[in-house]
Amino acid sequence: MNITQEAINFLKTALEDETVKSVRIITEAGCCGPTLGLHIAAPEATDAIQDFDGFTFAVSSDAATLSENVTLDVEMTEDSASLFLRGLQQTC
């Protein structure tokens, strides 16, 4: 998994008042198969932990393959900004 500096800055701002300062990447059920989900959560014992600019990202063991070539980035619209996973292969 790769993470842009914009995504890190977005998360630091969004989680400024939260007690948990880490993101956990997991596998979730999608409409046509597994996909990735992002949760604000502490890492679990079996997670691969990565540090990006002082921010903790934990990748669950079942999400490791899906997240290999994915980049967490920020998408800007006229009204807002949101996180998105660039390079995530669609399951449908």
N, C-alpha and C. Protein backbone atom coordinates (compact mmCIF):
# COMPACT_ATOMS: atom_id res chain seq x y z
N MET A 1 0.85 -1.17 0.00
CA MET A 1 0.00 0.00 0.00
C MET A 1 0.89 1.23 0.00
N ASN A 2 0.49 2.18 -0.79
CA ASN A 2 1.15 3.48 -0.81
C ASN A 2 0.16 4.52 -0.29
N ILE A 3 0.69 5.57 0.26
CA ILE A 3 -0.15 6.62 0.81
C ILE A 3 0.44 7.97 0.43
N THR A 4 -0.38 8.83 -0.15
CA THR A 4 0.11 10.14 -0.54
C THR A 4 0.20 11.05 0.68
N GLN A 5 1.03 12.06 0.56
CA GLN A 5 1.15 13.04 1.65
C GLN A 5 -0.17 13.77 1.86
N GLU A 6 -0.93 13.97 0.80
CA GLU A 6 -2.24 14.62 0.92
C GLU A 6 -3.18 13.77 1.77
N ALA A 7 -3.14 12.44 1.60
CA ALA A 7 -3.99 11.56 2.40
C ALA A 7 -3.57 11.58 3.87
N ILE A 8 -2.28 11.60 4.12
CA ILE A 8 -1.79 11.67 5.50
C ILE A 8 -2.23 12.97 6.15
N ASN A 9 -2.08 14.07 5.45
CA ASN A 9 -2.50 15.37 5.98
C ASN A 9 -4.01 15.40 6.24
N PHE A 10 -4.78 14.82 5.33
CA PHE A 10 -6.23 14.73 5.48
C PHE A 10 -6.58 13.96 6.75
N LEU A 11 -5.94 12.81 6.95
CA LEU A 11 -6.22 11.97 8.12
C LEU A 11 -5.79 12.65 9.41
N LYS A 12 -4.65 13.31 9.40
CA LYS A 12 -4.19 14.00 10.61
C LYS A 12 -5.20 15.05 11.04
N THR A 13 -5.73 15.77 10.08
CA THR A 13 -6.73 16.79 10.38
C THR A 13 -8.04 16.14 10.83
N ALA A 14 -8.47 15.11 10.13
CA ALA A 14 -9.74 14.46 10.45
C ALA A 14 -9.71 13.77 11.82
N LEU A 15 -8.55 13.28 12.21
CA LEU A 15 -8.44 12.54 13.47
C LEU A 15 -7.84 13.35 14.61
N GLU A 16 -7.77 14.64 14.42
CA GLU A 16 -7.14 15.52 15.40
C GLU A 16 -7.70 15.33 16.81
N ASP A 17 -9.01 15.16 16.94
CA ASP A 17 -9.65 15.04 18.25
C ASP A 17 -9.94 13.60 18.66
N GLU A 18 -9.52 12.64 17.85
CA GLU A 18 -9.77 11.23 18.15
C GLU A 18 -8.68 10.66 19.04
N THR A 19 -9.01 9.66 19.83
CA THR A 19 -8.00 9.03 20.67
C THR A 19 -7.18 8.01 19.89
N VAL A 20 -7.78 7.33 18.92
CA VAL A 20 -7.06 6.37 18.08
C VAL A 20 -6.50 7.13 16.89
N LYS A 21 -5.21 6.99 16.65
CA LYS A 21 -4.54 7.71 15.56
C LYS A 21 -3.98 6.73 14.53
N SER A 22 -4.74 5.69 14.26
CA SER A 22 -4.28 4.72 13.28
C SER A 22 -5.44 4.28 12.37
N VAL A 23 -5.05 3.85 11.18
CA VAL A 23 -6.02 3.36 10.20
C VAL A 23 -5.74 1.89 9.98
N ARG A 24 -6.78 1.10 9.98
CA ARG A 24 -6.66 -0.34 9.74
C ARG A 24 -7.31 -0.65 8.41
N ILE A 25 -6.56 -1.29 7.51
CA ILE A 25 -7.05 -1.67 6.20
C ILE A 25 -7.44 -3.14 6.28
N ILE A 26 -8.69 -3.43 5.94
CA ILE A 26 -9.21 -4.79 6.06
C ILE A 26 -9.91 -5.19 4.77
N THR A 27 -10.22 -6.46 4.67
CA THR A 27 -11.02 -6.97 3.56
C THR A 27 -12.48 -6.92 3.97
N GLU A 28 -13.32 -6.43 3.05
CA GLU A 28 -14.76 -6.39 3.28
C GLU A 28 -15.46 -7.04 2.10
N ALA A 29 -16.68 -7.47 2.31
CA ALA A 29 -17.47 -8.04 1.22
C ALA A 29 -17.94 -6.93 0.29
N GLY A 30 -17.65 -7.06 -0.98
CA GLY A 30 -18.14 -6.14 -1.99
C GLY A 30 -19.29 -6.77 -2.76
N CYS A 31 -19.83 -6.06 -3.72
CA CYS A 31 -20.97 -6.59 -4.46
C CYS A 31 -20.61 -7.83 -5.28
N CYS A 32 -19.35 -7.93 -5.70
CA CYS A 32 -18.94 -9.06 -6.54
C CYS A 32 -17.72 -9.79 -6.00
N GLY A 33 -17.41 -9.58 -4.76
CA GLY A 33 -16.25 -10.23 -4.16
C GLY A 33 -15.59 -9.32 -3.15
N PRO A 34 -14.44 -9.73 -2.64
CA PRO A 34 -13.79 -8.94 -1.60
C PRO A 34 -13.26 -7.60 -2.11
N THR A 35 -13.29 -6.62 -1.23
CA THR A 35 -12.74 -5.30 -1.52
C THR A 35 -12.06 -4.81 -0.25
N LEU A 36 -11.45 -3.64 -0.30
CA LEU A 36 -10.78 -3.10 0.87
C LEU A 36 -11.64 -2.09 1.60
N GLY A 37 -11.51 -2.08 2.90
CA GLY A 37 -12.18 -1.09 3.73
C GLY A 37 -11.18 -0.43 4.65
N LEU A 38 -11.42 0.82 4.98
CA LEU A 38 -10.57 1.57 5.89
C LEU A 38 -11.35 1.86 7.15
N HIS A 39 -10.72 1.58 8.29
CA HIS A 39 -11.37 1.82 9.58
C HIS A 39 -10.39 2.54 10.49
N ILE A 40 -10.89 3.45 11.28
CA ILE A 40 -10.08 4.08 12.32
C ILE A 40 -10.09 3.08 13.48
N ALA A 41 -8.96 2.40 13.64
CA ALA A 41 -8.89 1.34 14.65
C ALA A 41 -7.44 1.03 14.97
N ALA A 42 -7.23 0.51 16.15
CA ALA A 42 -5.89 0.09 16.57
C ALA A 42 -5.49 -1.17 15.79
N PRO A 43 -4.20 -1.31 15.52
CA PRO A 43 -3.73 -2.52 14.84
C PRO A 43 -4.01 -3.77 15.68
N GLU A 44 -4.18 -4.89 15.00
CA GLU A 44 -4.31 -6.17 15.67
C GLU A 44 -2.97 -6.91 15.57
N ALA A 45 -2.80 -7.93 16.38
CA ALA A 45 -1.51 -8.63 16.50
C ALA A 45 -1.01 -9.21 15.18
N THR A 46 -1.89 -9.62 14.30
CA THR A 46 -1.47 -10.24 13.04
C THR A 46 -1.33 -9.25 11.88
N ASP A 47 -1.56 -7.98 12.12
CA ASP A 47 -1.47 -6.96 11.07
C ASP A 47 -0.03 -6.62 10.73
N ALA A 48 0.18 -6.25 9.47
CA ALA A 48 1.45 -5.66 9.06
C ALA A 48 1.32 -4.17 9.32
N ILE A 49 2.26 -3.62 10.06
CA ILE A 49 2.16 -2.21 10.46
C ILE A 49 3.17 -1.39 9.68
N GLN A 50 2.68 -0.28 9.13
CA GLN A 50 3.53 0.65 8.40
C GLN A 50 3.37 2.03 9.02
N ASP A 51 4.44 2.77 9.05
CA ASP A 51 4.41 4.14 9.56
C ASP A 51 4.66 5.08 8.39
N PHE A 52 3.77 6.03 8.21
CA PHE A 52 3.91 7.06 7.18
C PHE A 52 3.83 8.40 7.86
N ASP A 53 4.95 9.08 7.93
CA ASP A 53 5.00 10.43 8.49
C ASP A 53 4.39 10.48 9.90
N GLY A 54 4.71 9.47 10.72
CA GLY A 54 4.23 9.45 12.08
C GLY A 54 2.81 8.96 12.26
N PHE A 55 2.19 8.48 11.20
CA PHE A 55 0.81 8.00 11.26
C PHE A 55 0.83 6.49 11.03
N THR A 56 0.12 5.73 11.85
CA THR A 56 0.15 4.28 11.78
C THR A 56 -0.93 3.74 10.85
N PHE A 57 -0.50 2.85 9.95
CA PHE A 57 -1.42 2.13 9.07
C PHE A 57 -1.20 0.64 9.30
N ALA A 58 -2.26 -0.07 9.60
CA ALA A 58 -2.20 -1.50 9.83
C ALA A 58 -2.96 -2.20 8.70
N VAL A 59 -2.32 -3.18 8.09
CA VAL A 59 -2.94 -3.93 7.00
C VAL A 59 -3.20 -5.34 7.52
N SER A 60 -4.46 -5.74 7.56
CA SER A 60 -4.79 -7.09 8.03
C SER A 60 -4.19 -8.10 7.06
N SER A 61 -3.88 -9.28 7.57
CA SER A 61 -3.23 -10.29 6.74
C SER A 61 -4.06 -10.68 5.53
N ASP A 62 -5.38 -10.69 5.66
CA ASP A 62 -6.22 -11.04 4.51
C ASP A 62 -6.36 -9.91 3.49
N ALA A 63 -5.93 -8.71 3.83
CA ALA A 63 -6.00 -7.58 2.91
C ALA A 63 -4.66 -7.28 2.23
N ALA A 64 -3.62 -7.99 2.61
CA ALA A 64 -2.28 -7.69 2.11
C ALA A 64 -2.19 -7.78 0.59
N THR A 65 -2.70 -8.83 0.00
CA THR A 65 -2.61 -9.01 -1.45
C THR A 65 -3.41 -7.94 -2.20
N LEU A 66 -4.62 -7.67 -1.74
CA LEU A 66 -5.46 -6.66 -2.40
C LEU A 66 -4.85 -5.26 -2.31
N SER A 67 -4.10 -4.99 -1.27
CA SER A 67 -3.59 -3.63 -1.06
C SER A 67 -2.20 -3.39 -1.65
N GLU A 68 -1.59 -4.41 -2.23
CA GLU A 68 -0.21 -4.29 -2.72
C GLU A 68 0.01 -3.12 -3.69
N ASN A 69 -0.86 -2.95 -4.65
CA ASN A 69 -0.67 -1.94 -5.69
C ASN A 69 -1.68 -0.80 -5.59
N VAL A 70 -2.13 -0.53 -4.37
CA VAL A 70 -3.16 0.49 -4.13
C VAL A 70 -2.52 1.69 -3.46
N THR A 71 -3.01 2.87 -3.82
CA THR A 71 -2.55 4.11 -3.20
C THR A 71 -3.73 4.82 -2.56
N LEU A 72 -3.60 5.12 -1.27
CA LEU A 72 -4.60 5.91 -0.57
C LEU A 72 -4.34 7.37 -0.90
N ASP A 73 -5.35 8.03 -1.44
CA ASP A 73 -5.19 9.41 -1.90
C ASP A 73 -6.42 10.22 -1.52
N VAL A 74 -6.40 11.49 -1.83
CA VAL A 74 -7.52 12.39 -1.57
C VAL A 74 -8.12 12.82 -2.90
N GLU A 75 -9.43 12.76 -2.97
CA GLU A 75 -10.16 13.22 -4.16
C GLU A 75 -10.88 14.50 -3.80
N MET A 76 -10.62 15.53 -4.56
CA MET A 76 -11.23 16.83 -4.33
C MET A 76 -12.41 17.02 -5.27
N THR A 77 -13.51 17.53 -4.73
CA THR A 77 -14.65 17.94 -5.53
C THR A 77 -14.91 19.41 -5.23
N GLU A 78 -15.91 19.97 -5.86
CA GLU A 78 -16.25 21.37 -5.60
C GLU A 78 -16.64 21.59 -4.15
N ASP A 79 -17.30 20.58 -3.56
CA ASP A 79 -17.86 20.74 -2.22
C ASP A 79 -17.04 20.14 -1.09
N SER A 80 -16.19 19.16 -1.40
CA SER A 80 -15.51 18.46 -0.30
C SER A 80 -14.28 17.70 -0.79
N ALA A 81 -13.64 17.10 0.17
CA ALA A 81 -12.52 16.20 -0.10
C ALA A 81 -12.83 14.87 0.57
N SER A 82 -12.41 13.78 -0.04
CA SER A 82 -12.62 12.47 0.56
C SER A 82 -11.46 11.55 0.19
N LEU A 83 -11.28 10.53 0.99
CA LEU A 83 -10.24 9.53 0.72
C LEU A 83 -10.74 8.56 -0.33
N PHE A 84 -9.82 8.09 -1.17
CA PHE A 84 -10.17 7.02 -2.10
C PHE A 84 -8.96 6.14 -2.34
N LEU A 85 -9.20 4.93 -2.78
CA LEU A 85 -8.14 3.97 -3.03
C LEU A 85 -7.89 3.88 -4.54
N ARG A 86 -6.85 4.54 -4.98
CA ARG A 86 -6.47 4.55 -6.38
C ARG A 86 -5.78 3.23 -6.72
N GLY A 87 -6.20 2.60 -7.79
CA GLY A 87 -5.60 1.35 -8.23
C GLY A 87 -6.28 0.10 -7.70
N LEU A 88 -7.32 0.26 -6.91
CA LEU A 88 -8.06 -0.89 -6.40
C LEU A 88 -8.82 -1.53 -7.55
N GLN A 89 -8.57 -2.80 -7.78
CA GLN A 89 -9.23 -3.48 -8.88
C GLN A 89 -10.68 -3.71 -8.55
N GLN A 90 -11.53 -3.37 -9.49
CA GLN A 90 -12.97 -3.57 -9.31
C GLN A 90 -13.28 -5.07 -9.34
N THR A 91 -14.20 -5.49 -8.52
CA THR A 91 -14.56 -6.90 -8.47
C THR A 91 -15.73 -7.25 -9.38
N CYS A 92 -16.32 -6.25 -10.03
CA CYS A 92 -17.45 -6.51 -10.94
C CYS A 92 -17.04 -6.15 -12.35
